[in-house]
Amino acid sequence: MRIFDRGDRQGNLDNTFTVPSYLRTDAAIFYNQGGFRAAVNIRNLFDADYFETSQSQTRVFPGDPLTVVGSISWEL
């Protein structure tokens, strides 16, 4: 599990507005046996609303919602 904690930060180079802080949690579960691997990766486990970055007050980019990705691989 990884926890991403970002404090308040300036939203542009002129420091005219602030982007609020956020806390996001990611997690992964995996299984390995011989050449077989199965994994489930979860980003934003608690579906937190947050802003990833910004360019100006009118261009503020939200973070991704809860995302689950599964994978299976076999290596000979």
PDB file of N, CA and C in Angstrom:
ATOM      1  N   MET A   1       0.843  -1.159   0.000  1.00  0.00           N
ATOM      2  CA  MET A   1       0.000   0.000   0.000  1.00  0.00           C
ATOM      3  C   MET A   1       0.899   1.236   0.000  1.00  0.00           C
ATOM      4  N   ARG A   2       0.492   2.222  -0.768  1.00  0.00           N
ATOM      5  CA  ARG A   2       1.194   3.509  -0.823  1.00  0.00           C
ATOM      6  C   ARG A   2       0.208   4.621  -0.512  1.00  0.00           C
ATOM      7  N   ILE A   3       0.665   5.570   0.260  1.00  0.00           N
ATOM      8  CA  ILE A   3      -0.160   6.722   0.607  1.00  0.00           C
ATOM      9  C   ILE A   3       0.517   7.977   0.064  1.00  0.00           C
ATOM     10  N   PHE A   4      -0.242   8.768  -0.671  1.00  0.00           N
ATOM     11  CA  PHE A   4       0.248  10.016  -1.241  1.00  0.00           C
ATOM     12  C   PHE A   4      -0.412  11.160  -0.482  1.00  0.00           C
ATOM     13  N   ASP A   5       0.394  11.972   0.164  1.00  0.00           N
ATOM     14  CA  ASP A   5      -0.099  13.089   0.956  1.00  0.00           C
ATOM     15  C   ASP A   5       0.498  14.372   0.406  1.00  0.00           C
ATOM     16  N   ARG A   6      -0.328  15.222  -0.161  1.00  0.00           N
ATOM     17  CA  ARG A   6       0.139  16.498  -0.722  1.00  0.00           C
ATOM     18  C   ARG A   6      -0.507  17.628   0.056  1.00  0.00           C
ATOM     19  N   GLY A   7       0.277  18.566   0.478  1.00  0.00           N
ATOM     20  CA  GLY A   7      -0.243  19.738   1.176  1.00  0.00           C
ATOM     21  C   GLY A   7      -0.749  20.777   0.196  1.00  0.00           C
ATOM     22  N   ASP A   8      -1.305  21.852   0.743  1.00  0.00           N
ATOM     23  CA  ASP A   8      -1.720  22.978  -0.107  1.00  0.00           C
ATOM     24  C   ASP A   8      -0.519  23.450  -0.909  1.00  0.00           C
ATOM     25  N   ARG A   9      -0.753  23.856  -2.156  1.00  0.00           N
ATOM     26  CA  ARG A   9       0.337  24.331  -3.006  1.00  0.00           C
ATOM     27  C   ARG A   9      -0.174  25.432  -3.925  1.00  0.00           C
ATOM     28  N   GLN A  10       0.744  26.231  -4.401  1.00  0.00           N
ATOM     29  CA  GLN A  10       0.380  27.325  -5.296  1.00  0.00           C
ATOM     30  C   GLN A  10      -0.081  26.756  -6.640  1.00  0.00           C
ATOM     31  N   GLY A  11      -1.132  27.342  -7.190  1.00  0.00           N
ATOM     32  CA  GLY A  11      -1.725  26.838  -8.418  1.00  0.00           C
ATOM     33  C   GLY A  11      -1.094  27.352  -9.696  1.00  0.00           C
ATOM     34  N   ASN A  12      -0.287  28.429  -9.593  1.00  0.00           N
ATOM     35  CA  ASN A  12       0.379  28.953 -10.789  1.00  0.00           C
ATOM     36  C   ASN A  12       1.669  29.655 -10.377  1.00  0.00           C
ATOM     37  N   LEU A  13       2.440  30.078 -11.335  1.00  0.00           N
ATOM     38  CA  LEU A  13       3.728  30.703 -11.052  1.00  0.00           C
ATOM     39  C   LEU A  13       3.595  32.079 -10.406  1.00  0.00           C
ATOM     40  N   ASP A  14       2.454  32.732 -10.603  1.00  0.00           N
ATOM     41  CA  ASP A  14       2.227  34.056 -10.009  1.00  0.00           C
ATOM     42  C   ASP A  14       1.728  33.963  -8.560  1.00  0.00           C
ATOM     43  N   ASN A  15       1.462  32.740  -8.085  1.00  0.00           N
ATOM     44  CA  ASN A  15       0.960  32.508  -6.721  1.00  0.00           C
ATOM     45  C   ASN A  15      -0.330  33.273  -6.431  1.00  0.00           C
ATOM     46  N   THR A  16      -1.248  33.261  -7.401  1.00  0.00           N
ATOM     47  CA  THR A  16      -2.505  33.998  -7.234  1.00  0.00           C
ATOM     48  C   THR A  16      -3.627  33.135  -6.658  1.00  0.00           C
ATOM     49  N   PHE A  17      -3.429  31.813  -6.573  1.00  0.00           N
ATOM     50  CA  PHE A  17      -4.424  30.940  -5.956  1.00  0.00           C
ATOM     51  C   PHE A  17      -3.752  29.673  -5.445  1.00  0.00           C
ATOM     52  N   THR A  18      -4.464  28.960  -4.582  1.00  0.00           N
ATOM     53  CA  THR A  18      -3.919  27.760  -3.943  1.00  0.00           C
ATOM     54  C   THR A  18      -4.743  26.548  -4.335  1.00  0.00           C
ATOM     55  N   VAL A  19      -4.069  25.442  -4.625  1.00  0.00           N
ATOM     56  CA  VAL A  19      -4.718  24.157  -4.881  1.00  0.00           C
ATOM     57  C   VAL A  19      -4.743  23.419  -3.535  1.00  0.00           C
ATOM     58  N   PRO A  20      -5.909  22.902  -3.117  1.00  0.00           N
ATOM     59  CA  PRO A  20      -6.004  22.300  -1.786  1.00  0.00           C
ATOM     60  C   PRO A  20      -5.230  20.986  -1.655  1.00  0.00           C
ATOM     61  N   SER A  21      -4.963  20.620  -0.416  1.00  0.00           N
ATOM     62  CA  SER A  21      -4.234  19.388  -0.105  1.00  0.00           C
ATOM     63  C   SER A  21      -5.113  18.161  -0.385  1.00  0.00           C
ATOM     64  N   TYR A  22      -4.465  16.987  -0.451  1.00  0.00           N
ATOM     65  CA  TYR A  22      -5.216  15.741  -0.592  1.00  0.00           C
ATOM     66  C   TYR A  22      -4.422  14.565  -0.033  1.00  0.00           C
ATOM     67  N   LEU A  23      -5.147  13.487   0.225  1.00  0.00           N
ATOM     68  CA  LEU A  23      -4.569  12.228   0.666  1.00  0.00           C
ATOM     69  C   LEU A  23      -5.164  11.140  -0.220  1.00  0.00           C
ATOM     70  N   ARG A  24      -4.301  10.400  -0.921  1.00  0.00           N
ATOM     71  CA  ARG A  24      -4.753   9.330  -1.818  1.00  0.00           C
ATOM     72  C   ARG A  24      -4.040   8.045  -1.451  1.00  0.00           C
ATOM     73  N   THR A  25      -4.763   6.934  -1.471  1.00  0.00           N
ATOM     74  CA  THR A  25      -4.197   5.632  -1.124  1.00  0.00           C
ATOM     75  C   THR A  25      -4.285   4.698  -2.326  1.00  0.00           C
ATOM     76  N   ASP A  26      -3.166   4.047  -2.658  1.00  0.00           N
ATOM     77  CA  ASP A  26      -3.114   3.027  -3.701  1.00  0.00           C
ATOM     78  C   ASP A  26      -2.776   1.691  -3.048  1.00  0.00           C
ATOM     79  N   ALA A  27      -3.208   0.602  -3.657  1.00  0.00           N
ATOM     80  CA  ALA A  27      -2.928  -0.726  -3.108  1.00  0.00           C
ATOM     81  C   ALA A  27      -2.741  -1.730  -4.245  1.00  0.00           C
ATOM     82  N   ALA A  28      -2.086  -2.831  -3.926  1.00  0.00           N
ATOM     83  CA  ALA A  28      -1.882  -3.901  -4.915  1.00  0.00           C
ATOM     84  C   ALA A  28      -1.931  -5.246  -4.205  1.00  0.00           C
ATOM     85  N   ILE A  29      -2.498  -6.210  -4.898  1.00  0.00           N
ATOM     86  CA  ILE A  29      -2.531  -7.598  -4.430  1.00  0.00           C
ATOM     87  C   ILE A  29      -2.001  -8.442  -5.577  1.00  0.00           C
ATOM     88  N   PHE A  30      -1.079  -9.358  -5.278  1.00  0.00           N
ATOM     89  CA  PHE A  30      -0.555 -10.197  -6.355  1.00  0.00           C
ATOM     90  C   PHE A  30      -0.249 -11.600  -5.849  1.00  0.00           C
ATOM     91  N   TYR A  31      -0.153 -12.515  -6.816  1.00  0.00           N
ATOM     92  CA  TYR A  31       0.149 -13.915  -6.539  1.00  0.00           C
ATOM     93  C   TYR A  31       1.154 -14.393  -7.568  1.00  0.00           C
ATOM     94  N   ASN A  32       2.232 -15.037  -7.107  1.00  0.00           N
ATOM     95  CA  ASN A  32       3.245 -15.620  -7.983  1.00  0.00           C
ATOM     96  C   ASN A  32       3.393 -17.100  -7.659  1.00  0.00           C
ATOM     97  N   GLN A  33       3.399 -17.920  -8.692  1.00  0.00           N
ATOM     98  CA  GLN A  33       3.649 -19.349  -8.517  1.00  0.00           C
ATOM     99  C   GLN A  33       4.314 -19.857  -9.783  1.00  0.00           C
ATOM    100  N   GLY A  34       5.584 -20.223  -9.684  1.00  0.00           N
ATOM    101  CA  GLY A  34       6.313 -20.648 -10.872  1.00  0.00           C
ATOM    102  C   GLY A  34       6.369 -19.507 -11.872  1.00  0.00           C
ATOM    103  N   GLY A  35       5.885 -19.744 -13.075  1.00  0.00           N
ATOM    104  CA  GLY A  35       5.871 -18.713 -14.105  1.00  0.00           C
ATOM    105  C   GLY A  35       4.559 -17.950 -14.172  1.00  0.00           C
ATOM    106  N   PHE A  36       3.614 -18.290 -13.288  1.00  0.00           N
ATOM    107  CA  PHE A  36       2.295 -17.651 -13.294  1.00  0.00           C
ATOM    108  C   PHE A  36       2.280 -16.458 -12.351  1.00  0.00           C
ATOM    109  N   ARG A  37       1.689 -15.376 -12.814  1.00  0.00           N
ATOM    110  CA  ARG A  37       1.531 -14.182 -11.966  1.00  0.00           C
ATOM    111  C   ARG A  37       0.161 -13.577 -12.226  1.00  0.00           C
ATOM    112  N   ALA A  38      -0.543 -13.263 -11.152  1.00  0.00           N
ATOM    113  CA  ALA A  38      -1.824 -12.564 -11.223  1.00  0.00           C
ATOM    114  C   ALA A  38      -1.743 -11.365 -10.278  1.00  0.00           C
ATOM    115  N   ALA A  39      -2.278 -10.234 -10.709  1.00  0.00           N
ATOM    116  CA  ALA A  39      -2.204  -9.027  -9.888  1.00  0.00           C
ATOM    117  C   ALA A  39      -3.459  -8.180 -10.060  1.00  0.00           C
ATOM    118  N   VAL A  40      -3.815  -7.483  -8.986  1.00  0.00           N
ATOM    119  CA  VAL A  40      -4.874  -6.484  -9.009  1.00  0.00           C
ATOM    120  C   VAL A  40      -4.270  -5.215  -8.413  1.00  0.00           C
ATOM    121  N   ASN A  41      -4.287  -4.136  -9.184  1.00  0.00           N
ATOM    122  CA  ASN A  41      -3.765  -2.848  -8.738  1.00  0.00           C
ATOM    123  C   ASN A  41      -4.928  -1.876  -8.583  1.00  0.00           C
ATOM    124  N   ILE A  42      -4.965  -1.203  -7.442  1.00  0.00           N
ATOM    125  CA  ILE A  42      -6.052  -0.281  -7.140  1.00  0.00           C
ATOM    126  C   ILE A  42      -5.460   1.106  -6.900  1.00  0.00           C
ATOM    127  N   ARG A  43      -5.916   2.073  -7.670  1.00  0.00           N
ATOM    128  CA  ARG A  43      -5.482   3.454  -7.500  1.00  0.00           C
ATOM    129  C   ARG A  43      -6.649   4.248  -6.927  1.00  0.00           C
ATOM    130  N   ASN A  44      -6.364   5.093  -5.958  1.00  0.00           N
ATOM    131  CA  ASN A  44      -7.369   5.901  -5.272  1.00  0.00           C
ATOM    132  C   ASN A  44      -8.401   4.993  -4.598  1.00  0.00           C
ATOM    133  N   LEU A  45      -7.908   4.142  -3.736  1.00  0.00           N
ATOM    134  CA  LEU A  45      -8.695   3.102  -3.066  1.00  0.00           C
ATOM    135  C   LEU A  45      -9.975   3.631  -2.429  1.00  0.00           C
ATOM    136  N   PHE A  46      -9.944   4.803  -1.831  1.00  0.00           N
ATOM    137  CA  PHE A  46     -11.110   5.345  -1.133  1.00  0.00           C
ATOM    138  C   PHE A  46     -11.865   6.380  -1.969  1.00  0.00           C
ATOM    139  N   ASP A  47     -11.561   6.431  -3.261  1.00  0.00           N
ATOM    140  CA  ASP A  47     -12.253   7.302  -4.223  1.00  0.00           C
ATOM    141  C   ASP A  47     -12.285   8.766  -3.763  1.00  0.00           C
ATOM    142  N   ALA A  48     -11.132   9.253  -3.315  1.00  0.00           N
ATOM    143  CA  ALA A  48     -11.021  10.640  -2.847  1.00  0.00           C
ATOM    144  C   ALA A  48     -11.127  11.618  -4.024  1.00  0.00           C
ATOM    145  N   ASP A  49     -11.788  12.727  -3.800  1.00  0.00           N
ATOM    146  CA  ASP A  49     -11.830  13.808  -4.791  1.00  0.00           C
ATOM    147  C   ASP A  49     -10.622  14.706  -4.544  1.00  0.00           C
ATOM    148  N   TYR A  50      -9.826  14.943  -5.581  1.00  0.00           N
ATOM    149  CA  TYR A  50      -8.631  15.771  -5.410  1.00  0.00           C
ATOM    150  C   TYR A  50      -8.222  16.380  -6.739  1.00  0.00           C
ATOM    151  N   PHE A  51      -7.358  17.395  -6.647  1.00  0.00           N
ATOM    152  CA  PHE A  51      -6.821  18.047  -7.834  1.00  0.00           C
ATOM    153  C   PHE A  51      -5.361  17.641  -7.991  1.00  0.00           C
ATOM    154  N   GLU A  52      -5.040  17.045  -9.123  1.00  0.00           N
ATOM    155  CA  GLU A  52      -3.686  16.554  -9.401  1.00  0.00           C
ATOM    156  C   GLU A  52      -2.718  17.705  -9.676  1.00  0.00           C
ATOM    157  N   THR A  53      -3.137  18.627 -10.537  1.00  0.00           N
ATOM    158  CA  THR A  53      -2.270  19.742 -10.931  1.00  0.00           C
ATOM    159  C   THR A  53      -3.120  20.875 -11.500  1.00  0.00           C
ATOM    160  N   SER A  54      -2.459  21.979 -11.805  1.00  0.00           N
ATOM    161  CA  SER A  54      -3.173  23.113 -12.409  1.00  0.00           C
ATOM    162  C   SER A  54      -2.218  23.930 -13.267  1.00  0.00           C
ATOM    163  N   GLN A  55      -2.798  24.664 -14.205  1.00  0.00           N
ATOM    164  CA  GLN A  55      -2.029  25.586 -15.036  1.00  0.00           C
ATOM    165  C   GLN A  55      -2.452  27.024 -14.782  1.00  0.00           C
ATOM    166  N   SER A  56      -3.725  27.203 -14.407  1.00  0.00           N
ATOM    167  CA  SER A  56      -4.277  28.526 -14.100  1.00  0.00           C
ATOM    168  C   SER A  56      -5.563  28.299 -13.321  1.00  0.00           C
ATOM    169  N   GLN A  57      -6.219  29.369 -12.899  1.00  0.00           N
ATOM    170  CA  GLN A  57      -7.465  29.224 -12.150  1.00  0.00           C
ATOM    171  C   GLN A  57      -8.572  28.584 -12.978  1.00  0.00           C
ATOM    172  N   THR A  58      -8.489  28.685 -14.289  1.00  0.00           N
ATOM    173  CA  THR A  58      -9.513  28.093 -15.149  1.00  0.00           C
ATOM    174  C   THR A  58      -9.090  26.741 -15.709  1.00  0.00           C
ATOM    175  N   ARG A  59      -7.852  26.304 -15.419  1.00  0.00           N
ATOM    176  CA  ARG A  59      -7.366  25.002 -15.887  1.00  0.00           C
ATOM    177  C   ARG A  59      -6.778  24.222 -14.713  1.00  0.00           C
ATOM    178  N   VAL A  60      -7.700  23.673 -13.885  1.00  0.00           N
ATOM    179  CA  VAL A  60      -7.322  22.854 -12.741  1.00  0.00           C
ATOM    180  C   VAL A  60      -7.753  21.428 -13.067  1.00  0.00           C
ATOM    181  N   PHE A  61      -6.831  20.469 -12.943  1.00  0.00           N
ATOM    182  CA  PHE A  61      -7.080  19.101 -13.398  1.00  0.00           C
ATOM    183  C   PHE A  61      -7.352  18.167 -12.224  1.00  0.00           C
ATOM    184  N   PRO A  62      -8.536  17.553 -12.207  1.00  0.00           N
ATOM    185  CA  PRO A  62      -8.861  16.631 -11.125  1.00  0.00           C
ATOM    186  C   PRO A  62      -8.064  15.331 -11.253  1.00  0.00           C
ATOM    187  N   GLY A  63      -7.880  14.653 -10.123  1.00  0.00           N
ATOM    188  CA  GLY A  63      -7.220  13.348 -10.129  1.00  0.00           C
ATOM    189  C   GLY A  63      -8.177  12.262 -10.583  1.00  0.00           C
ATOM    190  N   ASP A  64      -7.638  11.115 -10.904  1.00  0.00           N
ATOM    191  CA  ASP A  64      -8.450   9.986 -11.357  1.00  0.00           C
ATOM    192  C   ASP A  64      -9.308   9.438 -10.220  1.00  0.00           C
ATOM    193  N   PRO A  65     -10.499   8.956 -10.539  1.00  0.00           N
ATOM    194  CA  PRO A  65     -11.334   8.317  -9.518  1.00  0.00           C
ATOM    195  C   PRO A  65     -10.787   6.918  -9.204  1.00  0.00           C
ATOM    196  N   LEU A  66     -11.493   6.186  -8.374  1.00  0.00           N
ATOM    197  CA  LEU A  66     -11.135   4.799  -8.070  1.00  0.00           C
ATOM    198  C   LEU A  66     -10.926   4.044  -9.375  1.00  0.00           C
ATOM    199  N   THR A  67      -9.750   3.422  -9.523  1.00  0.00           N
ATOM    200  CA  THR A  67      -9.404   2.684 -10.735  1.00  0.00           C
ATOM    201  C   THR A  67      -8.843   1.332 -10.346  1.00  0.00           C
ATOM    202  N   VAL A  68      -9.369   0.263 -10.946  1.00  0.00           N
ATOM    203  CA  VAL A  68      -8.895  -1.094 -10.667  1.00  0.00           C
ATOM    204  C   VAL A  68      -8.397  -1.708 -11.966  1.00  0.00           C
ATOM    205  N   VAL A  69      -7.169  -2.233 -11.950  1.00  0.00           N
ATOM    206  CA  VAL A  69      -6.582  -2.884 -13.119  1.00  0.00           C
ATOM    207  C   VAL A  69      -6.106  -4.271 -12.701  1.00  0.00           C
ATOM    208  N   GLY A  70      -6.548  -5.265 -13.445  1.00  0.00           N
ATOM    209  CA  GLY A  70      -6.123  -6.650 -13.183  1.00  0.00           C
ATOM    210  C   GLY A  70      -5.230  -7.138 -14.318  1.00  0.00           C
ATOM    211  N   SER A  71      -4.285  -8.000 -13.967  1.00  0.00           N
ATOM    212  CA  SER A  71      -3.419  -8.572 -15.007  1.00  0.00           C
ATOM    213  C   SER A  71      -3.063 -10.012 -14.662  1.00  0.00           C
ATOM    214  N   ILE A  72      -2.871 -10.797 -15.713  1.00  0.00           N
ATOM    215  CA  ILE A  72      -2.437 -12.193 -15.573  1.00  0.00           C
ATOM    216  C   ILE A  72      -1.339 -12.427 -16.586  1.00  0.00           C
ATOM    217  N   SER A  73      -0.265 -13.083 -16.145  1.00  0.00           N
ATOM    218  CA  SER A  73       0.825 -13.386 -17.082  1.00  0.00           C
ATOM    219  C   SER A  73       1.383 -14.788 -16.790  1.00  0.00           C
ATOM    220  N   TRP A  74       1.948 -15.359 -17.824  1.00  0.00           N
ATOM    221  CA  TRP A  74       2.562 -16.678 -17.710  1.00  0.00           C
ATOM    222  C   TRP A  74       3.902 -16.622 -18.422  1.00  0.00           C
ATOM    223  N   GLU A  75       4.952 -16.976 -17.730  1.00  0.00           N
ATOM    224  CA  GLU A  75       6.294 -16.942 -18.303  1.00  0.00           C
ATOM    225  C   GLU A  75       6.817 -18.376 -18.377  1.00  0.00           C
ATOM    226  N   LEU A  76       7.270 -18.751 -19.567  1.00  0.00           N
ATOM    227  CA  LEU A  76       7.790 -20.119 -19.763  1.00  0.00           C
ATOM    228  C   LEU A  76       9.258 -20.199 -19.419  1.00  0.00           C
TER     229      LEU A  76
END
